[in-house]
Amino acid sequence: MLVKRKVKLAKVEDQTPILEVVGLLVNDLDTFNNYTIVSDGKINVKSLQVKN
């Protein structure tokens, strides 16, 4: 299962947002996490908590 989340870059010192890096806009970034639900034909997790 692939989960996609929005992320923002910020300066460590004062948490101000970073919108541009070396002339490229970085205001629309995503991070992806992959989770294995089925492994070797068997369910690999006992439960799956889902939020809306």
PDB file of N, CA and C in Angstrom:
ATOM      1  N   MET A   1       0.852  -1.151   0.000  1.00  0.00           N
ATOM      2  CA  MET A   1       0.000   0.000   0.000  1.00  0.00           C
ATOM      3  C   MET A   1       0.910   1.230   0.000  1.00  0.00           C
ATOM      4  N   LEU A   2       0.682   2.144  -0.891  1.00  0.00           N
ATOM      5  CA  LEU A   2       1.459   3.368  -1.000  1.00  0.00           C
ATOM      6  C   LEU A   2       0.667   4.526  -0.393  1.00  0.00           C
ATOM      7  N   VAL A   3       1.294   5.235   0.556  1.00  0.00           N
ATOM      8  CA  VAL A   3       0.653   6.367   1.223  1.00  0.00           C
ATOM      9  C   VAL A   3       1.390   7.628   0.805  1.00  0.00           C
ATOM     10  N   LYS A   4       0.633   8.624   0.358  1.00  0.00           N
ATOM     11  CA  LYS A   4       1.187   9.902  -0.097  1.00  0.00           C
ATOM     12  C   LYS A   4       0.781  10.998   0.871  1.00  0.00           C
ATOM     13  N   ARG A   5       1.787  11.812   1.298  1.00  0.00           N
ATOM     14  CA  ARG A   5       1.508  12.918   2.219  1.00  0.00           C
ATOM     15  C   ARG A   5       2.175  14.191   1.709  1.00  0.00           C
ATOM     16  N   LYS A   6       1.549  15.323   1.944  1.00  0.00           N
ATOM     17  CA  LYS A   6       2.116  16.619   1.597  1.00  0.00           C
ATOM     18  C   LYS A   6       3.177  16.990   2.631  1.00  0.00           C
ATOM     19  N   VAL A   7       4.287  17.579   2.187  1.00  0.00           N
ATOM     20  CA  VAL A   7       5.329  18.055   3.090  1.00  0.00           C
ATOM     21  C   VAL A   7       5.749  19.454   2.688  1.00  0.00           C
ATOM     22  N   LYS A   8       6.316  20.184   3.654  1.00  0.00           N
ATOM     23  CA  LYS A   8       6.812  21.532   3.400  1.00  0.00           C
ATOM     24  C   LYS A   8       8.231  21.633   3.935  1.00  0.00           C
ATOM     25  N   LEU A   9       9.071  22.391   3.246  1.00  0.00           N
ATOM     26  CA  LEU A   9      10.411  22.669   3.730  1.00  0.00           C
ATOM     27  C   LEU A   9      10.367  23.922   4.588  1.00  0.00           C
ATOM     28  N   ALA A  10      11.154  23.916   5.667  1.00  0.00           N
ATOM     29  CA  ALA A  10      11.214  25.079   6.552  1.00  0.00           C
ATOM     30  C   ALA A  10      12.632  25.228   7.084  1.00  0.00           C
ATOM     31  N   LYS A  11      13.006  26.460   7.382  1.00  0.00           N
ATOM     32  CA  LYS A  11      14.309  26.738   7.982  1.00  0.00           C
ATOM     33  C   LYS A  11      14.309  26.242   9.424  1.00  0.00           C
ATOM     34  N   VAL A  12      15.406  25.647   9.848  1.00  0.00           N
ATOM     35  CA  VAL A  12      15.505  25.100  11.196  1.00  0.00           C
ATOM     36  C   VAL A  12      15.444  26.205  12.240  1.00  0.00           C
ATOM     37  N   GLU A  13      16.120  27.322  11.985  1.00  0.00           N
ATOM     38  CA  GLU A  13      16.234  28.384  12.981  1.00  0.00           C
ATOM     39  C   GLU A  13      14.890  28.956  13.406  1.00  0.00           C
ATOM     40  N   ASP A  14      14.061  29.320  12.450  1.00  0.00           N
ATOM     41  CA  ASP A  14      12.817  30.018  12.792  1.00  0.00           C
ATOM     42  C   ASP A  14      11.562  29.412  12.167  1.00  0.00           C
ATOM     43  N   GLN A  15      11.698  28.256  11.533  1.00  0.00           N
ATOM     44  CA  GLN A  15      10.570  27.524  10.926  1.00  0.00           C
ATOM     45  C   GLN A  15       9.853  28.288   9.828  1.00  0.00           C
ATOM     46  N   THR A  16      10.519  29.276   9.209  1.00  0.00           N
ATOM     47  CA  THR A  16       9.902  29.975   8.077  1.00  0.00           C
ATOM     48  C   THR A  16       9.932  29.061   6.862  1.00  0.00           C
ATOM     49  N   PRO A  17       8.872  29.068   6.068  1.00  0.00           N
ATOM     50  CA  PRO A  17       8.792  28.180   4.909  1.00  0.00           C
ATOM     51  C   PRO A  17       9.830  28.527   3.836  1.00  0.00           C
ATOM     52  N   ILE A  18      10.321  27.491   3.173  1.00  0.00           N
ATOM     53  CA  ILE A  18      11.221  27.639   2.028  1.00  0.00           C
ATOM     54  C   ILE A  18      10.400  27.329   0.783  1.00  0.00           C
ATOM     55  N   LEU A  19      10.298  28.278  -0.131  1.00  0.00           N
ATOM     56  CA  LEU A  19       9.481  28.100  -1.329  1.00  0.00           C
ATOM     57  C   LEU A  19      10.312  27.843  -2.578  1.00  0.00           C
ATOM     58  N   GLU A  20      11.607  28.134  -2.509  1.00  0.00           N
ATOM     59  CA  GLU A  20      12.451  28.012  -3.694  1.00  0.00           C
ATOM     60  C   GLU A  20      13.836  27.507  -3.289  1.00  0.00           C
ATOM     61  N   VAL A  21      14.372  26.558  -4.078  1.00  0.00           N
ATOM     62  CA  VAL A  21      15.723  26.037  -3.870  1.00  0.00           C
ATOM     63  C   VAL A  21      16.443  26.067  -5.205  1.00  0.00           C
ATOM     64  N   VAL A  22      17.514  26.809  -5.295  1.00  0.00           N
ATOM     65  CA  VAL A  22      18.332  26.949  -6.510  1.00  0.00           C
ATOM     66  C   VAL A  22      17.450  27.279  -7.718  1.00  0.00           C
ATOM     67  N   GLY A  23      16.484  28.159  -7.523  1.00  0.00           N
ATOM     68  CA  GLY A  23      15.624  28.607  -8.609  1.00  0.00           C
ATOM     69  C   GLY A  23      14.456  27.686  -8.920  1.00  0.00           C
ATOM     70  N   LEU A  24      14.315  26.559  -8.199  1.00  0.00           N
ATOM     71  CA  LEU A  24      13.204  25.629  -8.420  1.00  0.00           C
ATOM     72  C   LEU A  24      12.159  25.801  -7.322  1.00  0.00           C
ATOM     73  N   LEU A  25      10.897  25.856  -7.710  1.00  0.00           N
ATOM     74  CA  LEU A  25       9.818  25.957  -6.729  1.00  0.00           C
ATOM     75  C   LEU A  25       9.651  24.630  -5.998  1.00  0.00           C
ATOM     76  N   VAL A  26       9.584  24.694  -4.676  1.00  0.00           N
ATOM     77  CA  VAL A  26       9.404  23.487  -3.865  1.00  0.00           C
ATOM     78  C   VAL A  26       8.188  23.634  -2.946  1.00  0.00           C
ATOM     79  N   ASN A  27       7.181  24.330  -3.423  1.00  0.00           N
ATOM     80  CA  ASN A  27       5.986  24.567  -2.604  1.00  0.00           C
ATOM     81  C   ASN A  27       4.930  23.475  -2.768  1.00  0.00           C
ATOM     82  N   ASP A  28       5.182  22.464  -3.626  1.00  0.00           N
ATOM     83  CA  ASP A  28       4.216  21.383  -3.834  1.00  0.00           C
ATOM     84  C   ASP A  28       4.952  20.042  -3.767  1.00  0.00           C
ATOM     85  N   LEU A  29       5.410  19.673  -2.555  1.00  0.00           N
ATOM     86  CA  LEU A  29       6.183  18.456  -2.366  1.00  0.00           C
ATOM     87  C   LEU A  29       5.350  17.377  -1.692  1.00  0.00           C
ATOM     88  N   ASP A  30       5.669  16.129  -2.019  1.00  0.00           N
ATOM     89  CA  ASP A  30       5.015  14.969  -1.414  1.00  0.00           C
ATOM     90  C   ASP A  30       6.081  14.001  -0.909  1.00  0.00           C
ATOM     91  N   THR A  31       5.723  13.234   0.108  1.00  0.00           N
ATOM     92  CA  THR A  31       6.549  12.126   0.555  1.00  0.00           C
ATOM     93  C   THR A  31       5.718  10.858   0.405  1.00  0.00           C
ATOM     94  N   PHE A  32       6.383   9.759   0.140  1.00  0.00           N
ATOM     95  CA  PHE A  32       5.694   8.494  -0.092  1.00  0.00           C
ATOM     96  C   PHE A  32       6.218   7.439   0.871  1.00  0.00           C
ATOM     97  N   ASN A  33       5.313   6.665   1.452  1.00  0.00           N
ATOM     98  CA  ASN A  33       5.674   5.528   2.290  1.00  0.00           C
ATOM     99  C   ASN A  33       4.985   4.295   1.725  1.00  0.00           C
ATOM    100  N   ASN A  34       5.723   3.207   1.640  1.00  0.00           N
ATOM    101  CA  ASN A  34       5.210   1.947   1.131  1.00  0.00           C
ATOM    102  C   ASN A  34       5.063   0.963   2.287  1.00  0.00           C
ATOM    103  N   TYR A  35       3.917   0.307   2.413  1.00  0.00           N
ATOM    104  CA  TYR A  35       3.669  -0.660   3.470  1.00  0.00           C
ATOM    105  C   TYR A  35       3.252  -1.984   2.845  1.00  0.00           C
ATOM    106  N   THR A  36       3.795  -3.087   3.368  1.00  0.00           N
ATOM    107  CA  THR A  36       3.454  -4.421   2.875  1.00  0.00           C
ATOM    108  C   THR A  36       2.257  -4.940   3.652  1.00  0.00           C
ATOM    109  N   ILE A  37       1.153  -5.171   2.947  1.00  0.00           N
ATOM    110  CA  ILE A  37      -0.070  -5.676   3.568  1.00  0.00           C
ATOM    111  C   ILE A  37      -0.136  -7.203   3.415  1.00  0.00           C
ATOM    112  N   VAL A  38       0.216  -7.708   2.229  1.00  0.00           N
ATOM    113  CA  VAL A  38       0.196  -9.137   1.944  1.00  0.00           C
ATOM    114  C   VAL A  38       1.608  -9.574   1.592  1.00  0.00           C
ATOM    115  N   SER A  39       2.088 -10.628   2.255  1.00  0.00           N
ATOM    116  CA  SER A  39       3.422 -11.159   2.001  1.00  0.00           C
ATOM    117  C   SER A  39       3.338 -12.668   1.862  1.00  0.00           C
ATOM    118  N   ASP A  40       3.908 -13.199   0.793  1.00  0.00           N
ATOM    119  CA  ASP A  40       3.869 -14.647   0.518  1.00  0.00           C
ATOM    120  C   ASP A  40       2.449 -15.192   0.508  1.00  0.00           C
ATOM    121  N   GLY A  41       1.507 -14.399   0.012  1.00  0.00           N
ATOM    122  CA  GLY A  41       0.126 -14.842  -0.116  1.00  0.00           C
ATOM    123  C   GLY A  41      -0.668 -14.796   1.181  1.00  0.00           C
ATOM    124  N   LYS A  42      -0.070 -14.274   2.261  1.00  0.00           N
ATOM    125  CA  LYS A  42      -0.765 -14.210   3.546  1.00  0.00           C
ATOM    126  C   LYS A  42      -0.804 -12.755   4.016  1.00  0.00           C
ATOM    127  N   ILE A  43      -1.845 -12.423   4.780  1.00  0.00           N
ATOM    128  CA  ILE A  43      -1.961 -11.073   5.318  1.00  0.00           C
ATOM    129  C   ILE A  43      -0.843 -10.854   6.332  1.00  0.00           C
ATOM    130  N   ASN A  44      -0.147  -9.740   6.185  1.00  0.00           N
ATOM    131  CA  ASN A  44       1.051  -9.453   6.957  1.00  0.00           C
ATOM    132  C   ASN A  44       0.788  -8.563   8.166  1.00  0.00           C
ATOM    133  N   VAL A  45      -0.411  -8.017   8.327  1.00  0.00           N
ATOM    134  CA  VAL A  45      -0.742  -7.147   9.456  1.00  0.00           C
ATOM    135  C   VAL A  45      -1.986  -7.669  10.168  1.00  0.00           C
ATOM    136  N   LYS A  46      -2.051  -7.457  11.477  1.00  0.00           N
ATOM    137  CA  LYS A  46      -3.216  -7.908  12.252  1.00  0.00           C
ATOM    138  C   LYS A  46      -4.360  -6.917  12.144  1.00  0.00           C
ATOM    139  N   SER A  47      -4.022  -5.611  12.054  1.00  0.00           N
ATOM    140  CA  SER A  47      -5.070  -4.591  11.928  1.00  0.00           C
ATOM    141  C   SER A  47      -4.497  -3.416  11.132  1.00  0.00           C
ATOM    142  N   LEU A  48      -5.388  -2.602  10.605  1.00  0.00           N
ATOM    143  CA  LEU A  48      -4.997  -1.444   9.823  1.00  0.00           C
ATOM    144  C   LEU A  48      -5.875  -0.276  10.247  1.00  0.00           C
ATOM    145  N   GLN A  49      -5.241   0.723  10.889  1.00  0.00           N
ATOM    146  CA  GLN A  49      -5.987   1.897  11.348  1.00  0.00           C
ATOM    147  C   GLN A  49      -6.016   2.918  10.228  1.00  0.00           C
ATOM    148  N   VAL A  50      -7.207   3.421   9.897  1.00  0.00           N
ATOM    149  CA  VAL A  50      -7.391   4.357   8.793  1.00  0.00           C
ATOM    150  C   VAL A  50      -8.029   5.630   9.343  1.00  0.00           C
ATOM    151  N   LYS A  51      -7.483   6.799   8.919  1.00  0.00           N
ATOM    152  CA  LYS A  51      -8.053   8.078   9.325  1.00  0.00           C
ATOM    153  C   LYS A  51      -8.621   8.780   8.107  1.00  0.00           C
ATOM    154  N   ASN A  52      -9.654   9.599   8.309  1.00  0.00           N
ATOM    155  CA  ASN A  52     -10.217  10.442   7.259  1.00  0.00           C
ATOM    156  C   ASN A  52      -9.700  11.825   7.406  1.00  0.00           C
TER     157      ASN A  52
END
